[in-house]
Amino acid sequence: MWQGYIGAALISVFKNRDYKIHSNIVTKQLKKDAERISIIIGVGHIDSLKSIFRDDSACELVDANTYLK
């Protein structure tokens, strides 16, 4: 199925994982009715997750440096 598209297959698996991470974060946040949630995650996921959270109108993405200063 993915013959000749190895790079695309790898990226789609990685992006799918990031969507699952997003889903888990949002699900936990909703269950706890938390106003804020802090996430520590590996650098390989940061840009993709930032993009996903920016596209989620229910979420506001705030850089950790805002609170760590």
PDB file of N, CA and C in Angstrom:
ATOM      1  N   MET A   1       0.823  -1.207   0.000  1.00  0.00           N
ATOM      2  CA  MET A   1       0.000   0.000   0.000  1.00  0.00           C
ATOM      3  C   MET A   1       0.858   1.258   0.000  1.00  0.00           C
ATOM      4  N   TRP A   2       1.882   1.303   0.843  1.00  0.00           N
ATOM      5  CA  TRP A   2       2.713   2.495   0.978  1.00  0.00           C
ATOM      6  C   TRP A   2       4.014   2.416   0.187  1.00  0.00           C
ATOM      7  N   GLN A   3       4.135   1.433  -0.688  1.00  0.00           N
ATOM      8  CA  GLN A   3       5.369   1.296  -1.449  1.00  0.00           C
ATOM      9  C   GLN A   3       5.659   2.585  -2.205  1.00  0.00           C
ATOM     10  N   GLY A   4       6.901   3.023  -2.114  1.00  0.00           N
ATOM     11  CA  GLY A   4       7.285   4.254  -2.797  1.00  0.00           C
ATOM     12  C   GLY A   4       6.955   5.516  -2.025  1.00  0.00           C
ATOM     13  N   TYR A   5       6.284   5.386  -0.901  1.00  0.00           N
ATOM     14  CA  TYR A   5       5.875   6.545  -0.097  1.00  0.00           C
ATOM     15  C   TYR A   5       6.334   6.398   1.342  1.00  0.00           C
ATOM     16  N   ILE A   6       7.544   5.895   1.514  1.00  0.00           N
ATOM     17  CA  ILE A   6       8.041   5.607   2.856  1.00  0.00           C
ATOM     18  C   ILE A   6       8.030   6.856   3.736  1.00  0.00           C
ATOM     19  N   GLY A   7       8.500   7.970   3.219  1.00  0.00           N
ATOM     20  CA  GLY A   7       8.500   9.216   3.997  1.00  0.00           C
ATOM     21  C   GLY A   7       7.101   9.647   4.393  1.00  0.00           C
ATOM     22  N   ALA A   8       6.168   9.550   3.454  1.00  0.00           N
ATOM     23  CA  ALA A   8       4.780   9.926   3.733  1.00  0.00           C
ATOM     24  C   ALA A   8       4.172   9.000   4.779  1.00  0.00           C
ATOM     25  N   ALA A   9       4.495   7.716   4.690  1.00  0.00           N
ATOM     26  CA  ALA A   9       3.968   6.755   5.663  1.00  0.00           C
ATOM     27  C   ALA A   9       4.494   7.063   7.058  1.00  0.00           C
ATOM     28  N   LEU A  10       5.770   7.359   7.147  1.00  0.00           N
ATOM     29  CA  LEU A  10       6.379   7.670   8.439  1.00  0.00           C
ATOM     30  C   LEU A  10       5.781   8.932   9.042  1.00  0.00           C
ATOM     31  N   ILE A  11       5.637   9.964   8.235  1.00  0.00           N
ATOM     32  CA  ILE A  11       5.065  11.227   8.725  1.00  0.00           C
ATOM     33  C   ILE A  11       3.619  11.021   9.165  1.00  0.00           C
ATOM     34  N   SER A  12       2.847  10.244   8.417  1.00  0.00           N
ATOM     35  CA  SER A  12       1.447  10.054   8.782  1.00  0.00           C
ATOM     36  C   SER A  12       1.318   9.289  10.098  1.00  0.00           C
ATOM     37  N   VAL A  13       2.201   8.336  10.340  1.00  0.00           N
ATOM     38  CA  VAL A  13       2.194   7.604  11.610  1.00  0.00           C
ATOM     39  C   VAL A  13       2.536   8.560  12.750  1.00  0.00           C
ATOM     40  N   PHE A  14       3.543   9.397  12.538  1.00  0.00           N
ATOM     41  CA  PHE A  14       3.972  10.348  13.563  1.00  0.00           C
ATOM     42  C   PHE A  14       2.867  11.365  13.850  1.00  0.00           C
ATOM     43  N   LYS A  15       2.241  11.911  12.793  1.00  0.00           N
ATOM     44  CA  LYS A  15       1.177  12.905  12.965  1.00  0.00           C
ATOM     45  C   LYS A  15      -0.030  12.269  13.658  1.00  0.00           C
ATOM     46  N   ASN A  16      -0.336  11.029  13.297  1.00  0.00           N
ATOM     47  CA  ASN A  16      -1.439  10.316  13.942  1.00  0.00           C
ATOM     48  C   ASN A  16      -1.185  10.193  15.440  1.00  0.00           C
ATOM     49  N   ARG A  17       0.056   9.912  15.812  1.00  0.00           N
ATOM     50  CA  ARG A  17       0.414   9.824  17.238  1.00  0.00           C
ATOM     51  C   ARG A  17       0.187  11.162  17.928  1.00  0.00           C
ATOM     52  N   ASP A  18       0.534  12.257  17.263  1.00  0.00           N
ATOM     53  CA  ASP A  18       0.325  13.576  17.857  1.00  0.00           C
ATOM     54  C   ASP A  18      -1.161  13.880  18.044  1.00  0.00           C
ATOM     55  N   TYR A  19      -2.000  13.455  17.111  1.00  0.00           N
ATOM     56  CA  TYR A  19      -3.441  13.640  17.288  1.00  0.00           C
ATOM     57  C   TYR A  19      -3.966  12.814  18.465  1.00  0.00           C
ATOM     58  N   LYS A  20      -3.408  11.640  18.680  1.00  0.00           N
ATOM     59  CA  LYS A  20      -3.788  10.828  19.841  1.00  0.00           C
ATOM     60  C   LYS A  20      -3.333  11.497  21.133  1.00  0.00           C
ATOM     61  N   ILE A  21      -2.131  12.072  21.128  1.00  0.00           N
ATOM     62  CA  ILE A  21      -1.646  12.808  22.300  1.00  0.00           C
ATOM     63  C   ILE A  21      -2.587  13.968  22.592  1.00  0.00           C
ATOM     64  N   HIS A  22      -2.960  14.724  21.561  1.00  0.00           N
ATOM     65  CA  HIS A  22      -3.893  15.851  21.722  1.00  0.00           C
ATOM     66  C   HIS A  22      -5.208  15.368  22.317  1.00  0.00           C
ATOM     67  N   SER A  23      -5.731  14.286  21.781  1.00  0.00           N
ATOM     68  CA  SER A  23      -6.991  13.735  22.280  1.00  0.00           C
ATOM     69  C   SER A  23      -6.891  13.334  23.747  1.00  0.00           C
ATOM     70  N   ASN A  24      -5.806  12.696  24.124  1.00  0.00           N
ATOM     71  CA  ASN A  24      -5.613  12.296  25.519  1.00  0.00           C
ATOM     72  C   ASN A  24      -5.530  13.503  26.444  1.00  0.00           C
ATOM     73  N   ILE A  25      -4.820  14.534  26.023  1.00  0.00           N
ATOM     74  CA  ILE A  25      -4.686  15.748  26.836  1.00  0.00           C
ATOM     75  C   ILE A  25      -6.048  16.401  27.035  1.00  0.00           C
ATOM     76  N   VAL A  26      -6.786  16.584  25.950  1.00  0.00           N
ATOM     77  CA  VAL A  26      -8.093  17.242  26.030  1.00  0.00           C
ATOM     78  C   VAL A  26      -9.073  16.407  26.850  1.00  0.00           C
ATOM     79  N   THR A  27      -9.065  15.095  26.665  1.00  0.00           N
ATOM     80  CA  THR A  27      -9.955  14.219  27.421  1.00  0.00           C
ATOM     81  C   THR A  27      -9.683  14.307  28.924  1.00  0.00           C
ATOM     82  N   LYS A  28      -8.406  14.259  29.305  1.00  0.00           N
ATOM     83  CA  LYS A  28      -8.041  14.373  30.731  1.00  0.00           C
ATOM     84  C   LYS A  28      -8.454  15.731  31.287  1.00  0.00           C
ATOM     85  N   GLN A  29      -8.210  16.780  30.507  1.00  0.00           N
ATOM     86  CA  GLN A  29      -8.544  18.133  30.951  1.00  0.00           C
ATOM     87  C   GLN A  29     -10.043  18.264  31.171  1.00  0.00           C
ATOM     88  N   LEU A  30     -10.838  17.722  30.266  1.00  0.00           N
ATOM     89  CA  LEU A  30     -12.291  17.807  30.410  1.00  0.00           C
ATOM     90  C   LEU A  30     -12.799  16.996  31.597  1.00  0.00           C
ATOM     91  N   LYS A  31     -12.213  15.820  31.830  1.00  0.00           N
ATOM     92  CA  LYS A  31     -12.628  14.991  32.965  1.00  0.00           C
ATOM     93  C   LYS A  31     -12.351  15.678  34.292  1.00  0.00           C
ATOM     94  N   LYS A  32     -11.257  16.408  34.361  1.00  0.00           N
ATOM     95  CA  LYS A  32     -10.883  17.083  35.605  1.00  0.00           C
ATOM     96  C   LYS A  32     -11.473  18.481  35.694  1.00  0.00           C
ATOM     97  N   ASP A  33     -12.122  18.935  34.618  1.00  0.00           N
ATOM     98  CA  ASP A  33     -12.682  20.282  34.545  1.00  0.00           C
ATOM     99  C   ASP A  33     -11.619  21.316  34.911  1.00  0.00           C
ATOM    100  N   ALA A  34     -10.408  21.077  34.426  1.00  0.00           N
ATOM    101  CA  ALA A  34      -9.276  21.957  34.738  1.00  0.00           C
ATOM    102  C   ALA A  34      -9.273  23.172  33.823  1.00  0.00           C
ATOM    103  N   GLU A  35      -8.968  24.308  34.404  1.00  0.00           N
ATOM    104  CA  GLU A  35      -8.866  25.534  33.622  1.00  0.00           C
ATOM    105  C   GLU A  35      -7.557  25.568  32.854  1.00  0.00           C
ATOM    106  N   ARG A  36      -6.498  25.006  33.465  1.00  0.00           N
ATOM    107  CA  ARG A  36      -5.175  24.994  32.838  1.00  0.00           C
ATOM    108  C   ARG A  36      -4.579  23.607  32.973  1.00  0.00           C
ATOM    109  N   ILE A  37      -3.694  23.314  32.039  1.00  0.00           N
ATOM    110  CA  ILE A  37      -2.960  22.057  32.098  1.00  0.00           C
ATOM    111  C   ILE A  37      -1.547  22.332  31.587  1.00  0.00           C
ATOM    112  N   SER A  38      -0.585  21.761  32.268  1.00  0.00           N
ATOM    113  CA  SER A  38       0.819  21.909  31.878  1.00  0.00           C
ATOM    114  C   SER A  38       1.300  20.587  31.308  1.00  0.00           C
ATOM    115  N   ILE A  39       2.014  20.665  30.195  1.00  0.00           N
ATOM    116  CA  ILE A  39       2.454  19.458  29.511  1.00  0.00           C
ATOM    117  C   ILE A  39       3.962  19.511  29.313  1.00  0.00           C
ATOM    118  N   ILE A  40       4.626  18.436  29.668  1.00  0.00           N
ATOM    119  CA  ILE A  40       6.057  18.293  29.393  1.00  0.00           C
ATOM    120  C   ILE A  40       6.175  17.157  28.385  1.00  0.00           C
ATOM    121  N   ILE A  41       6.727  17.472  27.223  1.00  0.00           N
ATOM    122  CA  ILE A  41       6.760  16.480  26.137  1.00  0.00           C
ATOM    123  C   ILE A  41       8.035  16.656  25.317  1.00  0.00           C
ATOM    124  N   GLY A  42       8.443  15.612  24.668  1.00  0.00           N
ATOM    125  CA  GLY A  42       9.674  15.634  23.882  1.00  0.00           C
ATOM    126  C   GLY A  42       9.632  16.607  22.717  1.00  0.00           C
ATOM    127  N   VAL A  43      10.796  17.104  22.375  1.00  0.00           N
ATOM    128  CA  VAL A  43      10.931  18.129  21.347  1.00  0.00           C
ATOM    129  C   VAL A  43      10.430  17.660  19.976  1.00  0.00           C
ATOM    130  N   GLY A  44      10.459  16.366  19.726  1.00  0.00           N
ATOM    131  CA  GLY A  44      10.006  15.856  18.438  1.00  0.00           C
ATOM    132  C   GLY A  44       8.520  16.063  18.179  1.00  0.00           C
ATOM    133  N   HIS A  45       7.759  16.303  19.222  1.00  0.00           N
ATOM    134  CA  HIS A  45       6.313  16.476  19.087  1.00  0.00           C
ATOM    135  C   HIS A  45       5.871  17.936  19.210  1.00  0.00           C
ATOM    136  N   ILE A  46       6.739  18.808  19.667  1.00  0.00           N
ATOM    137  CA  ILE A  46       6.334  20.175  20.016  1.00  0.00           C
ATOM    138  C   ILE A  46       5.682  20.930  18.861  1.00  0.00           C
ATOM    139  N   ASP A  47       6.361  21.043  17.719  1.00  0.00           N
ATOM    140  CA  ASP A  47       5.820  21.840  16.617  1.00  0.00           C
ATOM    141  C   ASP A  47       4.485  21.299  16.120  1.00  0.00           C
ATOM    142  N   SER A  48       4.391  19.993  15.982  1.00  0.00           N
ATOM    143  CA  SER A  48       3.153  19.387  15.512  1.00  0.00           C
ATOM    144  C   SER A  48       2.019  19.620  16.512  1.00  0.00           C
ATOM    145  N   LEU A  49       2.300  19.409  17.805  1.00  0.00           N
ATOM    146  CA  LEU A  49       1.261  19.611  18.814  1.00  0.00           C
ATOM    147  C   LEU A  49       0.855  21.078  18.926  1.00  0.00           C
ATOM    148  N   LYS A  50       1.816  21.986  18.809  1.00  0.00           N
ATOM    149  CA  LYS A  50       1.461  23.408  18.822  1.00  0.00           C
ATOM    150  C   LYS A  50       0.496  23.725  17.687  1.00  0.00           C
ATOM    151  N   SER A  51       0.760  23.171  16.521  1.00  0.00           N
ATOM    152  CA  SER A  51      -0.119  23.381  15.372  1.00  0.00           C
ATOM    153  C   SER A  51      -1.514  22.820  15.634  1.00  0.00           C
ATOM    154  N   ILE A  52      -1.582  21.638  16.185  1.00  0.00           N
ATOM    155  CA  ILE A  52      -2.872  21.010  16.474  1.00  0.00           C
ATOM    156  C   ILE A  52      -3.648  21.824  17.511  1.00  0.00           C
ATOM    157  N   PHE A  53      -2.981  22.254  18.584  1.00  0.00           N
ATOM    158  CA  PHE A  53      -3.665  23.030  19.625  1.00  0.00           C
ATOM    159  C   PHE A  53      -4.072  24.413  19.121  1.00  0.00           C
ATOM    160  N   ARG A  54      -3.263  25.036  18.251  1.00  0.00           N
ATOM    161  CA  ARG A  54      -3.639  26.337  17.681  1.00  0.00           C
ATOM    162  C   ARG A  54      -4.909  26.215  16.844  1.00  0.00           C
ATOM    163  N   ASP A  55      -5.081  25.077  16.175  1.00  0.00           N
ATOM    164  CA  ASP A  55      -6.266  24.863  15.338  1.00  0.00           C
ATOM    165  C   ASP A  55      -7.499  24.473  16.144  1.00  0.00           C
ATOM    166  N   ASP A  56      -7.323  24.161  17.420  1.00  0.00           N
ATOM    167  CA  ASP A  56      -8.438  23.777  18.301  1.00  0.00           C
ATOM    168  C   ASP A  56      -8.977  25.046  18.960  1.00  0.00           C
ATOM    169  N   SER A  57     -10.137  25.499  18.503  1.00  0.00           N
ATOM    170  CA  SER A  57     -10.687  26.774  19.001  1.00  0.00           C
ATOM    171  C   SER A  57     -11.054  26.731  20.480  1.00  0.00           C
ATOM    172  N   ALA A  58     -11.157  25.546  21.057  1.00  0.00           N
ATOM    173  CA  ALA A  58     -11.490  25.411  22.474  1.00  0.00           C
ATOM    174  C   ALA A  58     -10.267  25.566  23.367  1.00  0.00           C
ATOM    175  N   CYS A  59      -9.080  25.616  22.762  1.00  0.00           N
ATOM    176  CA  CYS A  59      -7.835  25.687  23.532  1.00  0.00           C
ATOM    177  C   CYS A  59      -7.107  27.002  23.289  1.00  0.00           C
ATOM    178  N   GLU A  60      -6.434  27.456  24.315  1.00  0.00           N
ATOM    179  CA  GLU A  60      -5.548  28.607  24.195  1.00  0.00           C
ATOM    180  C   GLU A  60      -4.148  28.133  24.555  1.00  0.00           C
ATOM    181  N   LEU A  61      -3.244  28.255  23.624  1.00  0.00           N
ATOM    182  CA  LEU A  61      -1.873  27.815  23.822  1.00  0.00           C
ATOM    183  C   LEU A  61      -1.057  28.962  24.401  1.00  0.00           C
ATOM    184  N   VAL A  62      -0.469  28.731  25.566  1.00  0.00           N
ATOM    185  CA  VAL A  62       0.343  29.751  26.243  1.00  0.00           C
ATOM    186  C   VAL A  62       1.730  29.158  26.467  1.00  0.00           C
ATOM    187  N   ASP A  63       2.754  29.880  26.046  1.00  0.00           N
ATOM    188  CA  ASP A  63       4.121  29.410  26.210  1.00  0.00           C
ATOM    189  C   ASP A  63       4.463  29.302  27.698  1.00  0.00           C
ATOM    190  N   ALA A  64       5.180  28.255  28.059  1.00  0.00           N
ATOM    191  CA  ALA A  64       5.530  28.016  29.462  1.00  0.00           C
ATOM    192  C   ALA A  64       6.336  29.156  30.055  1.00  0.00           C
ATOM    193  N   ASN A  65       7.106  29.850  29.235  1.00  0.00           N
ATOM    194  CA  ASN A  65       7.908  30.973  29.750  1.00  0.00           C
ATOM    195  C   ASN A  65       7.056  32.069  30.397  1.00  0.00           C
ATOM    196  N   THR A  66       5.803  32.135  30.009  1.00  0.00           N
ATOM    197  CA  THR A  66       4.883  33.098  30.622  1.00  0.00           C
ATOM    198  C   THR A  66       4.772  32.866  32.126  1.00  0.00           C
ATOM    199  N   TYR A  67       4.806  31.619  32.526  1.00  0.00           N
ATOM    200  CA  TYR A  67       4.647  31.260  33.938  1.00  0.00           C
ATOM    201  C   TYR A  67       5.971  30.990  34.650  1.00  0.00           C
ATOM    202  N   LEU A  68       7.020  30.780  33.898  1.00  0.00           N
ATOM    203  CA  LEU A  68       8.307  30.408  34.515  1.00  0.00           C
ATOM    204  C   LEU A  68       9.200  31.603  34.806  1.00  0.00           C
ATOM    205  N   LYS A  69       8.824  32.777  34.395  1.00  0.00           N
ATOM    206  CA  LYS A  69       9.664  33.954  34.628  1.00  0.00           C
ATOM    207  C   LYS A  69       9.631  34.376  36.074  1.00  0.00           C
TER     208      LYS A  69
END
